[in-house]
Amino acid sequence: MKRKVFFLGLIFIGLFGFTLMSNNNLIIASDGPKFEYTKEANTFDLGTLYIDELEEVNLEIEFENKGDKPLVVTHVRACCGTRVKDWTKEPIQPGEKGTIEVHFRLAPRPHNISRTVVAMSNDADGQKVLRIRGRVAERDETLDQQF
């Protein structure tokens, strides 16, 4: 009797373990959509902009679906007076790209530029942040006269 219970227990544990392994493999095989900005380190670097040449900044930020299911971007928001003009709203197939268009103005004084754009999608990670960096500076006229 004890042997039957023991063997039944082993069979139960074996079946339970097999079921867990099967479910794990299903999760690994299907990653789903994967949102990735095409900029390195999720940073858009504007470099140095000079006060005497300042214009409104219009950026087209590109992203890609690196997953194996369609990616749907549901909402995009930005901070600090940055306006989101538009983004790709239709599903983005695996391997395809979409864009986010943003617009902002810069104050005509020396300062560092630090803005963020956050996209929400059906990616398992939820939201993805892109940082916009740069610098506004005065042009050094003595340096310009040397060239």
N, C-alpha and C. Protein backbone atom coordinates (compact mmCIF):
# COMPACT_ATOMS: atom_id res chain seq x y z
N MET A 1 0.82 -1.19 0.00
CA MET A 1 0.00 0.00 0.00
C MET A 1 0.87 1.26 0.00
N LYS A 2 1.92 1.28 0.84
CA LYS A 2 2.79 2.44 0.90
C LYS A 2 3.50 2.65 -0.43
N ARG A 3 3.83 1.52 -1.11
CA ARG A 3 4.51 1.63 -2.39
C ARG A 3 3.60 2.26 -3.45
N LYS A 4 2.32 1.89 -3.44
CA LYS A 4 1.38 2.46 -4.41
C LYS A 4 1.25 3.97 -4.22
N VAL A 5 1.13 4.38 -2.98
CA VAL A 5 1.00 5.81 -2.68
C VAL A 5 2.28 6.53 -3.11
N PHE A 6 3.42 5.93 -2.84
CA PHE A 6 4.71 6.50 -3.22
C PHE A 6 4.81 6.68 -4.73
N PHE A 7 4.48 5.63 -5.49
CA PHE A 7 4.57 5.70 -6.94
C PHE A 7 3.53 6.66 -7.52
N LEU A 8 2.34 6.68 -6.97
CA LEU A 8 1.34 7.64 -7.42
C LEU A 8 1.81 9.08 -7.16
N GLY A 9 2.46 9.28 -6.03
CA GLY A 9 3.02 10.59 -5.70
C GLY A 9 4.08 11.00 -6.70
N LEU A 10 4.96 10.07 -7.06
CA LEU A 10 6.01 10.35 -8.04
C LEU A 10 5.41 10.69 -9.40
N ILE A 11 4.41 9.93 -9.80
CA ILE A 11 3.75 10.19 -11.08
C ILE A 11 3.11 11.58 -11.07
N PHE A 12 2.43 11.91 -9.98
CA PHE A 12 1.79 13.22 -9.85
C PHE A 12 2.83 14.34 -9.94
N ILE A 13 3.94 14.20 -9.21
CA ILE A 13 5.00 15.21 -9.23
C ILE A 13 5.59 15.32 -10.63
N GLY A 14 5.79 14.21 -11.30
CA GLY A 14 6.33 14.22 -12.66
C GLY A 14 5.41 14.93 -13.63
N LEU A 15 4.12 14.63 -13.57
CA LEU A 15 3.16 15.29 -14.46
C LEU A 15 3.06 16.79 -14.16
N PHE A 16 3.06 17.13 -12.89
CA PHE A 16 3.00 18.53 -12.49
C PHE A 16 4.23 19.27 -13.00
N GLY A 17 5.41 18.70 -12.85
CA GLY A 17 6.66 19.31 -13.33
C GLY A 17 6.65 19.46 -14.85
N PHE A 18 6.16 18.45 -15.55
CA PHE A 18 6.08 18.52 -17.02
C PHE A 18 5.15 19.64 -17.46
N THR A 19 4.05 19.81 -16.77
CA THR A 19 3.10 20.88 -17.09
C THR A 19 3.75 22.24 -16.89
N LEU A 20 4.47 22.42 -15.79
CA LEU A 20 5.15 23.69 -15.54
C LEU A 20 6.18 23.99 -16.62
N MET A 21 6.96 22.99 -17.02
CA MET A 21 7.96 23.18 -18.06
C MET A 21 7.30 23.53 -19.39
N SER A 22 6.20 22.90 -19.71
CA SER A 22 5.49 23.19 -20.96
C SER A 22 5.00 24.63 -20.98
N ASN A 23 4.41 25.09 -19.88
CA ASN A 23 3.92 26.47 -19.82
C ASN A 23 5.06 27.46 -19.93
N ASN A 24 6.18 27.17 -19.31
CA ASN A 24 7.34 28.05 -19.39
C ASN A 24 7.83 28.17 -20.83
N ASN A 25 7.87 27.08 -21.54
CA ASN A 25 8.32 27.11 -22.93
C ASN A 25 7.38 27.92 -23.80
N LEU A 26 6.09 27.87 -23.50
CA LEU A 26 5.13 28.67 -24.27
C LEU A 26 5.37 30.15 -24.06
N ILE A 27 5.70 30.55 -22.85
CA ILE A 27 5.95 31.95 -22.56
C ILE A 27 7.21 32.41 -23.29
N ILE A 28 8.25 31.60 -23.27
CA ILE A 28 9.50 31.96 -23.92
C ILE A 28 9.32 32.02 -25.44
N ALA A 29 8.54 31.12 -26.00
CA ALA A 29 8.36 31.07 -27.45
C ALA A 29 7.60 32.28 -27.98
N SER A 30 6.77 32.90 -27.17
CA SER A 30 5.96 34.03 -27.61
C SER A 30 6.30 35.26 -26.77
N ASP A 31 7.22 36.08 -27.25
CA ASP A 31 7.65 37.25 -26.51
C ASP A 31 6.65 38.39 -26.57
N GLY A 32 5.88 38.47 -27.64
CA GLY A 32 4.94 39.57 -27.81
C GLY A 32 5.61 40.77 -28.43
N PRO A 33 4.94 41.93 -28.43
CA PRO A 33 5.52 43.13 -29.01
C PRO A 33 6.66 43.67 -28.15
N LYS A 34 7.62 44.33 -28.77
CA LYS A 34 8.78 44.89 -28.05
C LYS A 34 9.09 46.26 -28.62
N PHE A 35 8.78 47.32 -27.86
CA PHE A 35 8.99 48.71 -28.26
C PHE A 35 10.44 49.10 -27.96
N GLU A 36 11.15 49.61 -28.99
CA GLU A 36 12.51 50.11 -28.79
C GLU A 36 12.72 51.36 -29.62
N TYR A 37 13.23 52.42 -28.95
CA TYR A 37 13.62 53.61 -29.69
C TYR A 37 14.85 53.27 -30.52
N THR A 38 14.99 53.89 -31.69
CA THR A 38 16.13 53.58 -32.54
C THR A 38 17.38 54.36 -32.13
N LYS A 39 17.25 55.33 -31.25
CA LYS A 39 18.39 56.09 -30.74
C LYS A 39 19.13 55.27 -29.69
N GLU A 40 20.46 55.37 -29.70
CA GLU A 40 21.26 54.65 -28.70
C GLU A 40 20.95 55.17 -27.31
N ALA A 41 20.89 54.27 -26.37
CA ALA A 41 20.68 54.59 -24.95
C ALA A 41 19.42 55.42 -24.72
N ASN A 42 18.45 55.31 -25.62
CA ASN A 42 17.18 56.02 -25.49
C ASN A 42 17.37 57.52 -25.27
N THR A 43 18.37 58.10 -25.95
CA THR A 43 18.66 59.53 -25.81
C THR A 43 18.79 60.18 -27.19
N PHE A 44 18.09 61.28 -27.37
CA PHE A 44 18.18 62.07 -28.59
C PHE A 44 19.04 63.28 -28.25
N ASP A 45 20.26 63.35 -28.78
CA ASP A 45 21.20 64.42 -28.45
C ASP A 45 21.13 65.52 -29.50
N LEU A 46 20.73 66.72 -29.09
CA LEU A 46 20.64 67.86 -29.99
C LEU A 46 21.98 68.56 -30.16
N GLY A 47 22.94 68.24 -29.31
CA GLY A 47 24.24 68.91 -29.37
C GLY A 47 24.13 70.32 -28.83
N THR A 48 24.98 71.22 -29.35
CA THR A 48 24.97 72.62 -28.91
C THR A 48 24.23 73.47 -29.94
N LEU A 49 23.25 74.21 -29.45
CA LEU A 49 22.50 75.16 -30.28
C LEU A 49 22.87 76.55 -29.80
N TYR A 50 23.04 77.49 -30.75
CA TYR A 50 23.46 78.84 -30.39
C TYR A 50 22.27 79.78 -30.36
N ILE A 51 22.31 80.71 -29.39
CA ILE A 51 21.20 81.63 -29.17
C ILE A 51 20.85 82.40 -30.44
N ASP A 52 21.86 82.84 -31.20
CA ASP A 52 21.59 83.64 -32.39
C ASP A 52 21.00 82.82 -33.54
N GLU A 53 20.93 81.52 -33.40
CA GLU A 53 20.38 80.66 -34.46
C GLU A 53 19.18 79.82 -33.97
N LEU A 54 18.64 80.18 -32.81
CA LEU A 54 17.56 79.36 -32.25
C LEU A 54 16.31 79.39 -33.11
N GLU A 55 15.77 78.22 -33.34
CA GLU A 55 14.50 78.05 -34.03
C GLU A 55 13.64 77.11 -33.21
N GLU A 56 12.38 77.01 -33.57
CA GLU A 56 11.53 76.02 -32.92
C GLU A 56 12.08 74.64 -33.25
N VAL A 57 12.01 73.75 -32.29
CA VAL A 57 12.55 72.40 -32.49
C VAL A 57 11.41 71.46 -32.86
N ASN A 58 11.53 70.82 -34.01
CA ASN A 58 10.58 69.80 -34.45
C ASN A 58 11.37 68.52 -34.64
N LEU A 59 11.02 67.49 -33.90
CA LEU A 59 11.74 66.22 -33.98
C LEU A 59 10.80 65.10 -34.43
N GLU A 60 11.34 64.22 -35.24
CA GLU A 60 10.64 63.00 -35.59
C GLU A 60 11.43 61.86 -34.96
N ILE A 61 10.88 61.29 -33.91
CA ILE A 61 11.55 60.24 -33.16
C ILE A 61 11.09 58.89 -33.72
N GLU A 62 12.05 58.06 -34.05
CA GLU A 62 11.74 56.77 -34.65
C GLU A 62 11.84 55.65 -33.60
N PHE A 63 10.94 54.68 -33.69
CA PHE A 63 10.98 53.51 -32.84
C PHE A 63 10.68 52.28 -33.69
N GLU A 64 10.98 51.11 -33.14
CA GLU A 64 10.80 49.86 -33.90
C GLU A 64 10.16 48.80 -33.02
N ASN A 65 9.41 47.91 -33.66
CA ASN A 65 8.85 46.75 -32.97
C ASN A 65 9.84 45.60 -33.13
N LYS A 66 10.57 45.29 -32.07
CA LYS A 66 11.57 44.21 -32.10
C LYS A 66 10.98 42.89 -31.62
N GLY A 67 9.68 42.85 -31.39
CA GLY A 67 9.02 41.64 -30.91
C GLY A 67 8.48 40.79 -32.04
N ASP A 68 7.60 39.84 -31.66
CA ASP A 68 7.04 38.92 -32.65
C ASP A 68 5.52 39.04 -32.79
N LYS A 69 4.94 40.08 -32.19
CA LYS A 69 3.50 40.37 -32.30
C LYS A 69 3.35 41.85 -32.63
N PRO A 70 2.21 42.26 -33.20
CA PRO A 70 1.99 43.68 -33.51
C PRO A 70 2.08 44.57 -32.27
N LEU A 71 2.71 45.72 -32.44
CA LEU A 71 2.88 46.71 -31.37
C LEU A 71 1.86 47.82 -31.57
N VAL A 72 1.15 48.18 -30.50
CA VAL A 72 0.18 49.27 -30.56
C VAL A 72 0.57 50.32 -29.52
N VAL A 73 0.89 51.52 -30.00
CA VAL A 73 1.22 52.64 -29.11
C VAL A 73 -0.10 53.33 -28.78
N THR A 74 -0.47 53.28 -27.50
CA THR A 74 -1.78 53.78 -27.09
C THR A 74 -1.77 55.25 -26.69
N HIS A 75 -0.64 55.73 -26.18
CA HIS A 75 -0.58 57.13 -25.73
C HIS A 75 0.87 57.58 -25.68
N VAL A 76 1.11 58.86 -25.98
CA VAL A 76 2.45 59.45 -25.88
C VAL A 76 2.30 60.78 -25.15
N ARG A 77 3.16 61.01 -24.17
CA ARG A 77 3.14 62.28 -23.46
C ARG A 77 4.57 62.81 -23.36
N ALA A 78 4.68 64.11 -23.13
CA ALA A 78 5.99 64.74 -23.01
C ALA A 78 5.94 65.77 -21.89
N CYS A 79 7.11 66.19 -21.43
CA CYS A 79 7.16 67.13 -20.31
C CYS A 79 7.64 68.50 -20.75
N CYS A 80 7.60 69.42 -19.83
CA CYS A 80 8.28 70.72 -19.91
C CYS A 80 7.95 71.54 -21.15
N GLY A 81 6.71 71.67 -21.51
CA GLY A 81 6.36 72.48 -22.67
C GLY A 81 6.63 71.81 -24.01
N THR A 82 6.92 70.53 -23.99
CA THR A 82 7.11 69.77 -25.22
C THR A 82 5.75 69.25 -25.66
N ARG A 83 5.39 69.51 -26.90
CA ARG A 83 4.09 69.10 -27.40
C ARG A 83 4.22 67.91 -28.33
N VAL A 84 3.44 66.88 -28.07
CA VAL A 84 3.40 65.72 -28.96
C VAL A 84 2.41 66.05 -30.07
N LYS A 85 2.92 66.16 -31.30
CA LYS A 85 2.06 66.52 -32.43
C LYS A 85 1.30 65.31 -32.96
N ASP A 86 2.00 64.17 -33.07
CA ASP A 86 1.38 62.97 -33.64
C ASP A 86 2.27 61.76 -33.37
N TRP A 87 1.72 60.57 -33.54
CA TRP A 87 2.49 59.34 -33.48
C TRP A 87 1.80 58.28 -34.31
N THR A 88 2.53 57.23 -34.63
CA THR A 88 1.96 56.13 -35.42
C THR A 88 0.93 55.41 -34.56
N LYS A 89 -0.32 55.47 -34.97
CA LYS A 89 -1.40 54.89 -34.17
C LYS A 89 -1.83 53.50 -34.63
N GLU A 90 -1.58 53.17 -35.90
CA GLU A 90 -1.96 51.83 -36.37
C GLU A 90 -0.93 50.81 -35.86
N PRO A 91 -1.33 49.54 -35.75
CA PRO A 91 -0.41 48.50 -35.26
C PRO A 91 0.86 48.42 -36.12
N ILE A 92 1.98 48.30 -35.44
CA ILE A 92 3.28 48.19 -36.11
C ILE A 92 3.69 46.73 -36.07
N GLN A 93 3.84 46.15 -37.23
CA GLN A 93 4.17 44.73 -37.34
C GLN A 93 5.62 44.49 -36.89
N PRO A 94 5.94 43.25 -36.50
CA PRO A 94 7.32 42.93 -36.09
C PRO A 94 8.33 43.35 -37.16
N GLY A 95 9.39 44.02 -36.71
CA GLY A 95 10.44 44.47 -37.61
C GLY A 95 10.16 45.80 -38.28
N GLU A 96 8.95 46.34 -38.14
CA GLU A 96 8.61 47.61 -38.77
C GLU A 96 8.84 48.77 -37.80
N LYS A 97 8.84 50.00 -38.36
CA LYS A 97 9.10 51.19 -37.57
C LYS A 97 7.91 52.13 -37.55
N GLY A 98 7.88 52.96 -36.51
CA GLY A 98 6.88 54.00 -36.37
C GLY A 98 7.58 55.28 -35.95
N THR A 99 6.82 56.36 -35.86
CA THR A 99 7.41 57.65 -35.48
C THR A 99 6.55 58.38 -34.45
N ILE A 100 7.21 59.26 -33.71
CA ILE A 100 6.57 60.18 -32.78
C ILE A 100 7.08 61.56 -33.15
N GLU A 101 6.15 62.51 -33.39
CA GLU A 101 6.53 63.87 -33.74
C GLU A 101 6.32 64.77 -32.53
N VAL A 102 7.40 65.49 -32.14
CA VAL A 102 7.31 66.42 -31.02
C VAL A 102 7.79 67.81 -31.44
N HIS A 103 7.35 68.81 -30.70
CA HIS A 103 7.65 70.20 -31.00
C HIS A 103 7.86 70.94 -29.69
N PHE A 104 8.89 71.80 -29.64
CA PHE A 104 9.08 72.68 -28.48
C PHE A 104 9.93 73.89 -28.86
N ARG A 105 9.85 74.91 -28.02
CA ARG A 105 10.64 76.12 -28.18
C ARG A 105 11.67 76.17 -27.06
N LEU A 106 12.78 76.83 -27.35
CA LEU A 106 13.84 76.97 -26.36
C LEU A 106 13.99 78.43 -25.97
N ALA A 107 14.25 78.66 -24.70
CA ALA A 107 14.47 80.02 -24.21
C ALA A 107 15.79 80.55 -24.76
N PRO A 108 15.82 81.83 -25.19
CA PRO A 108 17.04 82.40 -25.76
C PRO A 108 18.04 82.84 -24.69
N ARG A 109 18.49 81.90 -23.93
CA ARG A 109 19.51 82.13 -22.90
C ARG A 109 20.32 80.85 -22.74
N PRO A 110 21.54 80.93 -22.26
CA PRO A 110 22.35 79.72 -22.08
C PRO A 110 21.71 78.79 -21.04
N HIS A 111 21.55 77.54 -21.40
CA HIS A 111 21.02 76.54 -20.47
C HIS A 111 21.17 75.14 -21.07
N ASN A 112 21.02 74.15 -20.22
CA ASN A 112 21.03 72.76 -20.67
C ASN A 112 19.61 72.37 -21.06
N ILE A 113 19.49 71.57 -22.10
CA ILE A 113 18.20 71.08 -22.57
C ILE A 113 17.99 69.69 -21.98
N SER A 114 16.86 69.50 -21.33
CA SER A 114 16.52 68.19 -20.77
C SER A 114 15.01 68.00 -20.87
N ARG A 115 14.59 67.19 -21.79
CA ARG A 115 13.17 66.91 -22.03
C ARG A 115 12.97 65.40 -22.05
N THR A 116 11.75 64.96 -21.81
CA THR A 116 11.45 63.53 -21.91
C THR A 116 10.17 63.32 -22.70
N VAL A 117 10.15 62.20 -23.40
CA VAL A 117 8.97 61.75 -24.14
C VAL A 117 8.70 60.33 -23.65
N VAL A 118 7.45 60.06 -23.26
CA VAL A 118 7.08 58.75 -22.74
C VAL A 118 5.99 58.16 -23.62
N ALA A 119 6.26 56.94 -24.14
CA ALA A 119 5.28 56.24 -24.98
C ALA A 119 4.73 55.05 -24.23
N MET A 120 3.41 54.90 -24.21
CA MET A 120 2.74 53.76 -23.61
C MET A 120 2.26 52.84 -24.72
N SER A 121 2.48 51.53 -24.54
CA SER A 121 2.11 50.58 -25.58
C SER A 121 1.76 49.24 -24.96
N ASN A 122 1.51 48.27 -25.82
CA ASN A 122 1.20 46.92 -25.35
C ASN A 122 2.47 46.09 -25.14
N ASP A 123 3.63 46.72 -25.12
CA ASP A 123 4.89 46.06 -24.74
C ASP A 123 4.76 45.62 -23.28
N ALA A 124 5.30 44.48 -22.93
CA ALA A 124 5.21 43.96 -21.57
C ALA A 124 5.82 44.92 -20.55
N ASP A 125 6.80 45.73 -20.96
CA ASP A 125 7.42 46.69 -20.06
C ASP A 125 6.55 47.92 -19.83
N GLY A 126 5.51 48.07 -20.62
CA GLY A 126 4.59 49.20 -20.44
C GLY A 126 5.08 50.45 -21.13
N GLN A 127 5.64 51.40 -20.36
CA GLN A 127 6.06 52.67 -20.94
C GLN A 127 7.55 52.70 -21.24
N LYS A 128 7.90 53.45 -22.29
CA LYS A 128 9.30 53.63 -22.70
C LYS A 128 9.62 55.11 -22.71
N VAL A 129 10.73 55.48 -22.09
CA VAL A 129 11.13 56.88 -21.96
C VAL A 129 12.27 57.19 -22.91
N LEU A 130 12.15 58.32 -23.61
CA LEU A 130 13.23 58.84 -24.45
C LEU A 130 13.63 60.19 -23.87
N ARG A 131 14.92 60.40 -23.69
CA ARG A 131 15.42 61.66 -23.17
C ARG A 131 15.98 62.51 -24.32
N ILE A 132 15.62 63.79 -24.30
CA ILE A 132 16.15 64.74 -25.28
C ILE A 132 17.12 65.64 -24.52
N ARG A 133 18.35 65.64 -24.97
CA ARG A 133 19.41 66.39 -24.29
C ARG A 133 20.05 67.37 -25.26
N GLY A 134 20.71 68.36 -24.73
CA GLY A 134 21.44 69.32 -25.54
C GLY A 134 21.83 70.51 -24.70
N ARG A 135 22.27 71.55 -25.40
CA ARG A 135 22.74 72.74 -24.71
C ARG A 135 22.48 73.96 -25.58
N VAL A 136 22.03 75.05 -24.95
CA VAL A 136 21.90 76.33 -25.63
C VAL A 136 23.03 77.20 -25.10
N ALA A 137 23.81 77.78 -26.03
CA ALA A 137 24.98 78.57 -25.63
C ALA A 137 25.07 79.85 -26.44
N GLU A 138 25.82 80.81 -25.90
CA GLU A 138 26.13 82.02 -26.66
C GLU A 138 27.32 81.71 -27.55
N ARG A 139 27.29 82.26 -28.74
CA ARG A 139 28.40 82.06 -29.67
C ARG A 139 29.58 82.91 -29.21
N ASP A 140 30.75 82.32 -29.15
CA ASP A 140 31.96 83.04 -28.77
C ASP A 140 32.48 83.76 -30.01
N GLU A 141 32.25 85.08 -30.08
CA GLU A 141 32.60 85.85 -31.28
C GLU A 141 34.10 85.91 -31.51
N THR A 142 34.92 85.90 -30.49
CA THR A 142 36.37 85.91 -30.69
C THR A 142 36.83 84.63 -31.34
N LEU A 143 36.17 83.52 -31.04
CA LEU A 143 36.51 82.25 -31.66
C LEU A 143 36.10 82.26 -33.14
N ASP A 144 34.95 82.88 -33.47
CA ASP A 144 34.48 82.95 -34.85
C ASP A 144 35.39 83.82 -35.72
N GLN A 145 35.99 84.88 -35.15
CA GLN A 145 36.83 85.78 -35.93
C GLN A 145 38.17 85.13 -36.30
N GLN A 146 38.59 84.12 -35.58
CA GLN A 146 39.86 83.44 -35.86
C GLN A 146 39.76 82.62 -37.13
N PHE A 147 38.60 82.21 -37.53
CA PHE A 147 38.46 81.32 -38.70
C PHE A 147 38.05 82.08 -39.88
